[in-house]
């Protein structure tokens, strides 16, 4: 399962949003990946996500594979759309 979403918060995908994203992603047993352009990173690793260097309006694809993949993707897309406000 995967969905594409745009980073909406002004600061982009820096340390705080990446931390919030990883915390939410870690609630799920599915494998979670974030793809930006041709680069795919582990969605449960703050350092991996920060290494993407994503700014506002960057487009990412959130992918999940496992027993709770639909719930994981929906929750993470919702988090990004809410500018990483839990």
PDB file of N, CA and C in Angstrom:
ATOM      1  N   UNK A   1       0.855  -1.180   0.000  1.00  0.00           N
ATOM      2  CA  UNK A   1       0.000   0.000   0.000  1.00  0.00           C
ATOM      3  C   UNK A   1       0.893   1.231   0.000  1.00  0.00           C
ATOM      4  N   UNK A   2       0.516   2.226  -0.771  1.00  0.00           N
ATOM      5  CA  UNK A   2       1.294   3.462  -0.800  1.00  0.00           C
ATOM      6  C   UNK A   2       0.413   4.637  -1.191  1.00  0.00           C
ATOM      7  N   UNK A   3       0.825   5.805  -0.711  1.00  0.00           N
ATOM      8  CA  UNK A   3       0.144   7.058  -1.066  1.00  0.00           C
ATOM      9  C   UNK A   3       1.195   8.157  -1.175  1.00  0.00           C
ATOM     10  N   UNK A   4       0.913   9.110  -2.046  1.00  0.00           N
ATOM     11  CA  UNK A   4       1.809  10.247  -2.235  1.00  0.00           C
ATOM     12  C   UNK A   4       1.195  11.473  -1.570  1.00  0.00           C
ATOM     13  N   UNK A   5       2.052  12.249  -0.923  1.00  0.00           N
ATOM     14  CA  UNK A   5       1.607  13.424  -0.176  1.00  0.00           C
ATOM     15  C   UNK A   5       2.679  14.508  -0.298  1.00  0.00           C
ATOM     16  N   UNK A   6       2.271  15.745  -0.064  1.00  0.00           N
ATOM     17  CA  UNK A   6       3.187  16.886  -0.144  1.00  0.00           C
ATOM     18  C   UNK A   6       3.468  17.419   1.270  1.00  0.00           C
ATOM     19  N   UNK A   7       4.728  17.767   1.530  1.00  0.00           N
ATOM     20  CA  UNK A   7       5.125  18.350   2.816  1.00  0.00           C
ATOM     21  C   UNK A   7       4.543  19.767   2.869  1.00  0.00           C
ATOM     22  N   UNK A   8       3.733  20.046   3.882  1.00  0.00           N
ATOM     23  CA  UNK A   8       3.030  21.329   3.960  1.00  0.00           C
ATOM     24  C   UNK A   8       3.638  22.320   4.959  1.00  0.00           C
ATOM     25  N   UNK A   9       4.334  21.818   5.976  1.00  0.00           N
ATOM     26  CA  UNK A   9       4.847  22.748   6.987  1.00  0.00           C
ATOM     27  C   UNK A   9       6.029  23.555   6.443  1.00  0.00           C
ATOM     28  N   UNK A  10       6.126  24.802   6.893  1.00  0.00           N
ATOM     29  CA  UNK A  10       7.107  25.746   6.360  1.00  0.00           C
ATOM     30  C   UNK A  10       8.545  25.292   6.527  1.00  0.00           C
ATOM     31  N   UNK A  11       8.842  24.561   7.602  1.00  0.00           N
ATOM     32  CA  UNK A  11      10.218  24.160   7.893  1.00  0.00           C
ATOM     33  C   UNK A  11      10.644  22.909   7.131  1.00  0.00           C
ATOM     34  N   UNK A  12       9.717  22.249   6.460  1.00  0.00           N
ATOM     35  CA  UNK A  12      10.055  21.024   5.751  1.00  0.00           C
ATOM     36  C   UNK A  12      10.120  19.833   6.695  1.00  0.00           C
ATOM     37  N   UNK A  13      10.877  18.836   6.305  1.00  0.00           N
ATOM     38  CA  UNK A  13      10.950  17.563   7.030  1.00  0.00           C
ATOM     39  C   UNK A  13      12.264  17.513   7.806  1.00  0.00           C
ATOM     40  N   UNK A  14      12.408  18.407   8.798  1.00  0.00           N
ATOM     41  CA  UNK A  14      13.635  18.486   9.591  1.00  0.00           C
ATOM     42  C   UNK A  14      13.503  17.600  10.822  1.00  0.00           C
ATOM     43  N   UNK A  15      14.310  17.838  11.851  1.00  0.00           N
ATOM     44  CA  UNK A  15      14.404  16.936  13.009  1.00  0.00           C
ATOM     45  C   UNK A  15      13.075  16.717  13.737  1.00  0.00           C
ATOM     46  N   UNK A  16      12.355  17.779  14.083  1.00  0.00           N
ATOM     47  CA  UNK A  16      11.123  17.596  14.848  1.00  0.00           C
ATOM     48  C   UNK A  16      10.064  16.823  14.059  1.00  0.00           C
ATOM     49  N   UNK A  17       9.745  17.227  12.827  1.00  0.00           N
ATOM     50  CA  UNK A  17       8.761  16.445  12.071  1.00  0.00           C
ATOM     51  C   UNK A  17       9.218  15.004  11.824  1.00  0.00           C
ATOM     52  N   UNK A  18      10.497  14.820  11.568  1.00  0.00           N
ATOM     53  CA  UNK A  18      11.005  13.463  11.350  1.00  0.00           C
ATOM     54  C   UNK A  18      10.819  12.626  12.613  1.00  0.00           C
ATOM     55  N   UNK A  19      11.070  13.230  13.772  1.00  0.00           N
ATOM     56  CA  UNK A  19      10.871  12.520  15.039  1.00  0.00           C
ATOM     57  C   UNK A  19       9.419  12.150  15.270  1.00  0.00           C
ATOM     58  N   UNK A  20       8.523  13.067  14.967  1.00  0.00           N
ATOM     59  CA  UNK A  20       7.086  12.808  15.116  1.00  0.00           C
ATOM     60  C   UNK A  20       6.658  11.700  14.148  1.00  0.00           C
ATOM     61  N   UNK A  21       7.176  11.739  12.928  1.00  0.00           N
ATOM     62  CA  UNK A  21       6.845  10.740  11.920  1.00  0.00           C
ATOM     63  C   UNK A  21       7.319   9.355  12.365  1.00  0.00           C
ATOM     64  N   UNK A  22       8.564   9.275  12.833  1.00  0.00           N
ATOM     65  CA  UNK A  22       9.133   7.994  13.275  1.00  0.00           C
ATOM     66  C   UNK A  22       8.364   7.445  14.470  1.00  0.00           C
ATOM     67  N   UNK A  23       7.992   8.308  15.394  1.00  0.00           N
ATOM     68  CA  UNK A  23       7.225   7.863  16.563  1.00  0.00           C
ATOM     69  C   UNK A  23       5.899   7.235  16.116  1.00  0.00           C
ATOM     70  N   UNK A  24       5.207   7.879  15.199  1.00  0.00           N
ATOM     71  CA  UNK A  24       3.938   7.345  14.691  1.00  0.00           C
ATOM     72  C   UNK A  24       4.182   6.064  13.889  1.00  0.00           C
ATOM     73  N   UNK A  25       5.196   6.060  13.024  1.00  0.00           N
ATOM     74  CA  UNK A  25       5.493   4.878  12.200  1.00  0.00           C
ATOM     75  C   UNK A  25       5.820   3.667  13.071  1.00  0.00           C
ATOM     76  N   UNK A  26       6.473   3.904  14.197  1.00  0.00           N
ATOM     77  CA  UNK A  26       6.883   2.813  15.083  1.00  0.00           C
ATOM     78  C   UNK A  26       5.707   2.157  15.804  1.00  0.00           C
ATOM     79  N   UNK A  27       4.537   2.769  15.741  1.00  0.00           N
ATOM     80  CA  UNK A  27       3.340   2.179  16.342  1.00  0.00           C
ATOM     81  C   UNK A  27       2.809   1.003  15.521  1.00  0.00           C
ATOM     82  N   UNK A  28       3.320   0.844  14.296  1.00  0.00           N
ATOM     83  CA  UNK A  28       2.820  -0.180  13.390  1.00  0.00           C
ATOM     84  C   UNK A  28       3.856  -1.277  13.187  1.00  0.00           C
ATOM     85  N   UNK A  29       3.381  -2.487  12.935  1.00  0.00           N
ATOM     86  CA  UNK A  29       4.300  -3.608  12.709  1.00  0.00           C
ATOM     87  C   UNK A  29       4.764  -3.676  11.257  1.00  0.00           C
ATOM     88  N   UNK A  30       4.044  -3.059  10.364  1.00  0.00           N
ATOM     89  CA  UNK A  30       4.411  -3.081   8.939  1.00  0.00           C
ATOM     90  C   UNK A  30       5.757  -2.402   8.711  1.00  0.00           C
ATOM     91  N   UNK A  31       6.428  -2.827   7.641  1.00  0.00           N
ATOM     92  CA  UNK A  31       7.620  -2.138   7.173  1.00  0.00           C
ATOM     93  C   UNK A  31       7.161  -0.844   6.513  1.00  0.00           C
ATOM     94  N   UNK A  32       7.814   0.267   6.850  1.00  0.00           N
ATOM     95  CA  UNK A  32       7.409   1.567   6.313  1.00  0.00           C
ATOM     96  C   UNK A  32       8.603   2.216   5.632  1.00  0.00           C
ATOM     97  N   UNK A  33       8.366   2.707   4.427  1.00  0.00           N
ATOM     98  CA  UNK A  33       9.397   3.392   3.655  1.00  0.00           C
ATOM     99  C   UNK A  33       8.862   4.728   3.168  1.00  0.00           C
ATOM    100  N   UNK A  34       9.781   5.685   3.028  1.00  0.00           N
ATOM    101  CA  UNK A  34       9.450   6.992   2.478  1.00  0.00           C
ATOM    102  C   UNK A  34      10.311   7.178   1.232  1.00  0.00           C
ATOM    103  N   UNK A  35       9.648   7.476   0.119  1.00  0.00           N
ATOM    104  CA  UNK A  35      10.362   7.673  -1.137  1.00  0.00           C
ATOM    105  C   UNK A  35      10.243   9.127  -1.562  1.00  0.00           C
ATOM    106  N   UNK A  36      11.384   9.713  -1.906  1.00  0.00           N
ATOM    107  CA  UNK A  36      11.432  11.076  -2.441  1.00  0.00           C
ATOM    108  C   UNK A  36      12.293  11.030  -3.687  1.00  0.00           C
ATOM    109  N   UNK A  37      11.687  11.289  -4.816  1.00  0.00           N
ATOM    110  CA  UNK A  37      12.418  11.151  -6.077  1.00  0.00           C
ATOM    111  C   UNK A  37      12.775   9.691  -6.295  1.00  0.00           C
ATOM    112  N   UNK A  38      14.044   9.420  -6.479  1.00  0.00           N
ATOM    113  CA  UNK A  38      14.517   8.047  -6.695  1.00  0.00           C
ATOM    114  C   UNK A  38      15.080   7.420  -5.424  1.00  0.00           C
ATOM    115  N   UNK A  39      15.007   8.143  -4.311  1.00  0.00           N
ATOM    116  CA  UNK A  39      15.602   7.674  -3.056  1.00  0.00           C
ATOM    117  C   UNK A  39      14.518   7.152  -2.123  1.00  0.00           C
ATOM    118  N   UNK A  40      14.745   5.958  -1.581  1.00  0.00           N
ATOM    119  CA  UNK A  40      13.815   5.364  -0.625  1.00  0.00           C
ATOM    120  C   UNK A  40      14.543   5.133   0.694  1.00  0.00           C
ATOM    121  N   UNK A  41      13.908   5.554   1.792  1.00  0.00           N
ATOM    122  CA  UNK A  41      14.517   5.434   3.119  1.00  0.00           C
ATOM    123  C   UNK A  41      13.571   4.730   4.083  1.00  0.00           C
ATOM    124  N   UNK A  42      14.129   4.193   5.134  1.00  0.00           N
ATOM    125  CA  UNK A  42      13.378   3.538   6.200  1.00  0.00           C
ATOM    126  C   UNK A  42      12.543   4.581   6.934  1.00  0.00           C
ATOM    127  N   UNK A  43      11.228   4.394   6.965  1.00  0.00           N
ATOM    128  CA  UNK A  43      10.330   5.343   7.614  1.00  0.00           C
ATOM    129  C   UNK A  43      10.342   5.284   9.126  1.00  0.00           C
ATOM    130  N   UNK A  44      11.107   4.350   9.693  1.00  0.00           N
ATOM    131  CA  UNK A  44      11.201   4.242  11.148  1.00  0.00           C
ATOM    132  C   UNK A  44      12.575   4.677  11.655  1.00  0.00           C
ATOM    133  N   UNK A  45      13.337   5.364  10.816  1.00  0.00           N
ATOM    134  CA  UNK A  45      14.673   5.842  11.175  1.00  0.00           C
ATOM    135  C   UNK A  45      14.745   7.359  11.013  1.00  0.00           C
ATOM    136  N   UNK A  46      14.916   8.053  12.135  1.00  0.00           N
ATOM    137  CA  UNK A  46      14.960   9.516  12.079  1.00  0.00           C
ATOM    138  C   UNK A  46      16.134  10.010  11.243  1.00  0.00           C
ATOM    139  N   UNK A  47      17.280   9.358  11.364  1.00  0.00           N
ATOM    140  CA  UNK A  47      18.453   9.791  10.592  1.00  0.00           C
ATOM    141  C   UNK A  47      18.237   9.572   9.090  1.00  0.00           C
ATOM    142  N   UNK A  48      17.607   8.463   8.738  1.00  0.00           N
ATOM    143  CA  UNK A  48      17.334   8.191   7.323  1.00  0.00           C
ATOM    144  C   UNK A  48      16.402   9.250   6.744  1.00  0.00           C
ATOM    145  N   UNK A  49      15.370   9.594   7.496  1.00  0.00           N
ATOM    146  CA  UNK A  49      14.413  10.584   7.009  1.00  0.00           C
ATOM    147  C   UNK A  49      15.036  11.970   6.918  1.00  0.00           C
ATOM    148  N   UNK A  50      15.829  12.341   7.908  1.00  0.00           N
ATOM    149  CA  UNK A  50      16.474  13.655   7.877  1.00  0.00           C
ATOM    150  C   UNK A  50      17.453  13.753   6.708  1.00  0.00           C
ATOM    151  N   UNK A  51      18.062  12.629   6.329  1.00  0.00           N
ATOM    152  CA  UNK A  51      19.033  12.648   5.231  1.00  0.00           C
ATOM    153  C   UNK A  51      18.385  12.970   3.884  1.00  0.00           C
ATOM    154  N   UNK A  52      17.065  12.868   3.804  1.00  0.00           N
ATOM    155  CA  UNK A  52      16.370  13.218   2.562  1.00  0.00           C
ATOM    156  C   UNK A  52      16.402  14.722   2.302  1.00  0.00           C
ATOM    157  N   UNK A  53      16.535  15.528   3.360  1.00  0.00           N
ATOM    158  CA  UNK A  53      16.621  16.979   3.206  1.00  0.00           C
ATOM    159  C   UNK A  53      15.415  17.594   2.524  1.00  0.00           C
ATOM    160  N   UNK A  54      14.222  17.179   2.931  1.00  0.00           N
ATOM    161  CA  UNK A  54      13.004  17.620   2.256  1.00  0.00           C
ATOM    162  C   UNK A  54      12.526  18.981   2.746  1.00  0.00           C
ATOM    163  N   UNK A  55      12.222  19.854   1.822  1.00  0.00           N
ATOM    164  CA  UNK A  55      11.720  21.191   2.121  1.00  0.00           C
ATOM    165  C   UNK A  55      10.209  21.227   1.922  1.00  0.00           C
ATOM    166  N   UNK A  56       9.618  22.368   2.278  1.00  0.00           N
ATOM    167  CA  UNK A  56       8.187  22.564   2.057  1.00  0.00           C
ATOM    168  C   UNK A  56       7.855  22.313   0.588  1.00  0.00           C
ATOM    169  N   UNK A  57       6.710  21.700   0.352  1.00  0.00           N
ATOM    170  CA  UNK A  57       6.186  21.373  -0.971  1.00  0.00           C
ATOM    171  C   UNK A  57       6.870  20.183  -1.639  1.00  0.00           C
ATOM    172  N   UNK A  58       7.824  19.553  -0.959  1.00  0.00           N
ATOM    173  CA  UNK A  58       8.422  18.328  -1.508  1.00  0.00           C
ATOM    174  C   UNK A  58       7.354  17.231  -1.509  1.00  0.00           C
ATOM    175  N   UNK A  59       7.394  16.403  -2.524  1.00  0.00           N
ATOM    176  CA  UNK A  59       6.431  15.313  -2.629  1.00  0.00           C
ATOM    177  C   UNK A  59       7.101  14.010  -2.203  1.00  0.00           C
ATOM    178  N   UNK A  60       6.425  13.273  -1.323  1.00  0.00           N
ATOM    179  CA  UNK A  60       6.942  11.987  -0.865  1.00  0.00           C
ATOM    180  C   UNK A  60       5.877  10.914  -1.068  1.00  0.00           C
ATOM    181  N   UNK A  61       6.342   9.689  -1.214  1.00  0.00           N
ATOM    182  CA  UNK A  61       5.439   8.546  -1.258  1.00  0.00           C
ATOM    183  C   UNK A  61       5.696   7.721  -0.006  1.00  0.00           C
ATOM    184  N   UNK A  62       4.641   7.475   0.738  1.00  0.00           N
ATOM    185  CA  UNK A  62       4.723   6.663   1.955  1.00  0.00           C
ATOM    186  C   UNK A  62       4.242   5.267   1.595  1.00  0.00           C
ATOM    187  N   UNK A  63       5.121   4.281   1.806  1.00  0.00           N
ATOM    188  CA  UNK A  63       4.803   2.892   1.475  1.00  0.00           C
ATOM    189  C   UNK A  63       4.824   2.056   2.752  1.00  0.00           C
ATOM    190  N   UNK A  64       3.901   1.128   2.851  1.00  0.00           N
ATOM    191  CA  UNK A  64       3.889   0.198   3.977  1.00  0.00           C
ATOM    192  C   UNK A  64       3.569  -1.190   3.468  1.00  0.00           C
ATOM    193  N   UNK A  65       4.195  -2.177   4.106  1.00  0.00           N
ATOM    194  CA  UNK A  65       3.934  -3.569   3.753  1.00  0.00           C
ATOM    195  C   UNK A  65       3.867  -4.383   5.029  1.00  0.00           C
ATOM    196  N   UNK A  66       2.725  -5.022   5.246  1.00  0.00           N
ATOM    197  CA  UNK A  66       2.547  -5.837   6.431  1.00  0.00           C
ATOM    198  C   UNK A  66       1.093  -5.892   6.843  1.00  0.00           C
ATOM    199  N   UNK A  67       0.832  -6.463   8.021  1.00  0.00           N
ATOM    200  CA  UNK A  67      -0.545  -6.705   8.443  1.00  0.00           C
ATOM    201  C   UNK A  67      -1.376  -5.444   8.689  1.00  0.00           C
ATOM    202  N   UNK A  68      -0.725  -4.336   9.035  1.00  0.00           N
ATOM    203  CA  UNK A  68      -1.465  -3.099   9.310  1.00  0.00           C
ATOM    204  C   UNK A  68      -1.079  -1.987   8.333  1.00  0.00           C
ATOM    205  N   UNK A  69      -0.735  -2.378   7.105  1.00  0.00           N
ATOM    206  CA  UNK A  69      -0.226  -1.417   6.127  1.00  0.00           C
ATOM    207  C   UNK A  69      -1.200  -0.301   5.789  1.00  0.00           C
ATOM    208  N   UNK A  70      -2.478  -0.612   5.630  1.00  0.00           N
ATOM    209  CA  UNK A  70      -3.456   0.424   5.275  1.00  0.00           C
ATOM    210  C   UNK A  70      -3.587   1.446   6.398  1.00  0.00           C
ATOM    211  N   UNK A  71      -3.693   0.972   7.621  1.00  0.00           N
ATOM    212  CA  UNK A  71      -3.800   1.884   8.770  1.00  0.00           C
ATOM    213  C   UNK A  71      -2.535   2.723   8.919  1.00  0.00           C
ATOM    214  N   UNK A  72      -1.375   2.122   8.678  1.00  0.00           N
ATOM    215  CA  UNK A  72      -0.107   2.843   8.802  1.00  0.00           C
ATOM    216  C   UNK A  72      -0.020   3.972   7.782  1.00  0.00           C
ATOM    217  N   UNK A  73      -0.303   3.660   6.526  1.00  0.00           N
ATOM    218  CA  UNK A  73      -0.223   4.676   5.471  1.00  0.00           C
ATOM    219  C   UNK A  73      -1.231   5.791   5.733  1.00  0.00           C
ATOM    220  N   UNK A  74      -2.452   5.430   6.086  1.00  0.00           N
ATOM    221  CA  UNK A  74      -3.477   6.444   6.356  1.00  0.00           C
ATOM    222  C   UNK A  74      -3.067   7.352   7.514  1.00  0.00           C
ATOM    223  N   UNK A  75      -2.543   6.776   8.588  1.00  0.00           N
ATOM    224  CA  UNK A  75      -2.144   7.573   9.754  1.00  0.00           C
ATOM    225  C   UNK A  75      -0.975   8.493   9.424  1.00  0.00           C
ATOM    226  N   UNK A  76      -0.018   8.015   8.654  1.00  0.00           N
ATOM    227  CA  UNK A  76       1.153   8.826   8.323  1.00  0.00           C
ATOM    228  C   UNK A  76       0.825   9.916   7.314  1.00  0.00           C
ATOM    229  N   UNK A  77      -0.034   9.628   6.356  1.00  0.00           N
ATOM    230  CA  UNK A  77      -0.483  10.662   5.415  1.00  0.00           C
ATOM    231  C   UNK A  77      -1.238  11.745   6.176  1.00  0.00           C
ATOM    232  N   UNK A  78      -2.094  11.336   7.106  1.00  0.00           N
ATOM    233  CA  UNK A  78      -2.846  12.287   7.920  1.00  0.00           C
ATOM    234  C   UNK A  78      -1.896  13.164   8.733  1.00  0.00           C
ATOM    235  N   UNK A  79      -0.848  12.571   9.284  1.00  0.00           N
ATOM    236  CA  UNK A  79       0.139  13.307  10.070  1.00  0.00           C
ATOM    237  C   UNK A  79       0.839  14.361   9.214  1.00  0.00           C
ATOM    238  N   UNK A  80       1.245  13.979   8.021  1.00  0.00           N
ATOM    239  CA  UNK A  80       1.911  14.943   7.110  1.00  0.00           C
ATOM    240  C   UNK A  80       0.937  16.060   6.733  1.00  0.00           C
ATOM    241  N   UNK A  81      -0.307  15.707   6.435  1.00  0.00           N
ATOM    242  CA  UNK A  81      -1.298  16.713   6.061  1.00  0.00           C
ATOM    243  C   UNK A  81      -1.615  17.669   7.192  1.00  0.00           C
ATOM    244  N   UNK A  82      -1.431  17.230   8.430  1.00  0.00           N
ATOM    245  CA  UNK A  82      -1.663  18.087   9.604  1.00  0.00           C
ATOM    246  C   UNK A  82      -0.379  18.797  10.041  1.00  0.00           C
ATOM    247  N   UNK A  83       0.595  18.839   9.150  1.00  0.00           N
ATOM    248  CA  UNK A  83       1.881  19.517   9.399  1.00  0.00           C
ATOM    249  C   UNK A  83       2.584  18.944  10.617  1.00  0.00           C
ATOM    250  N   UNK A  84       2.497  17.634  10.805  1.00  0.00           N
ATOM    251  CA  UNK A  84       3.166  16.890  11.860  1.00  0.00           C
ATOM    252  C   UNK A  84       2.688  17.265  13.259  1.00  0.00           C
ATOM    253  N   UNK A  85       1.461  17.757  13.345  1.00  0.00           N
ATOM    254  CA  UNK A  85       0.810  18.023  14.638  1.00  0.00           C
ATOM    255  C   UNK A  85      -0.012  16.814  14.994  1.00  0.00           C
ATOM    256  N   UNK A  86       0.395  16.089  16.019  1.00  0.00           N
ATOM    257  CA  UNK A  86      -0.290  14.840  16.390  1.00  0.00           C
ATOM    258  C   UNK A  86      -1.720  15.073  16.841  1.00  0.00           C
TER     259      UNK A  86
END
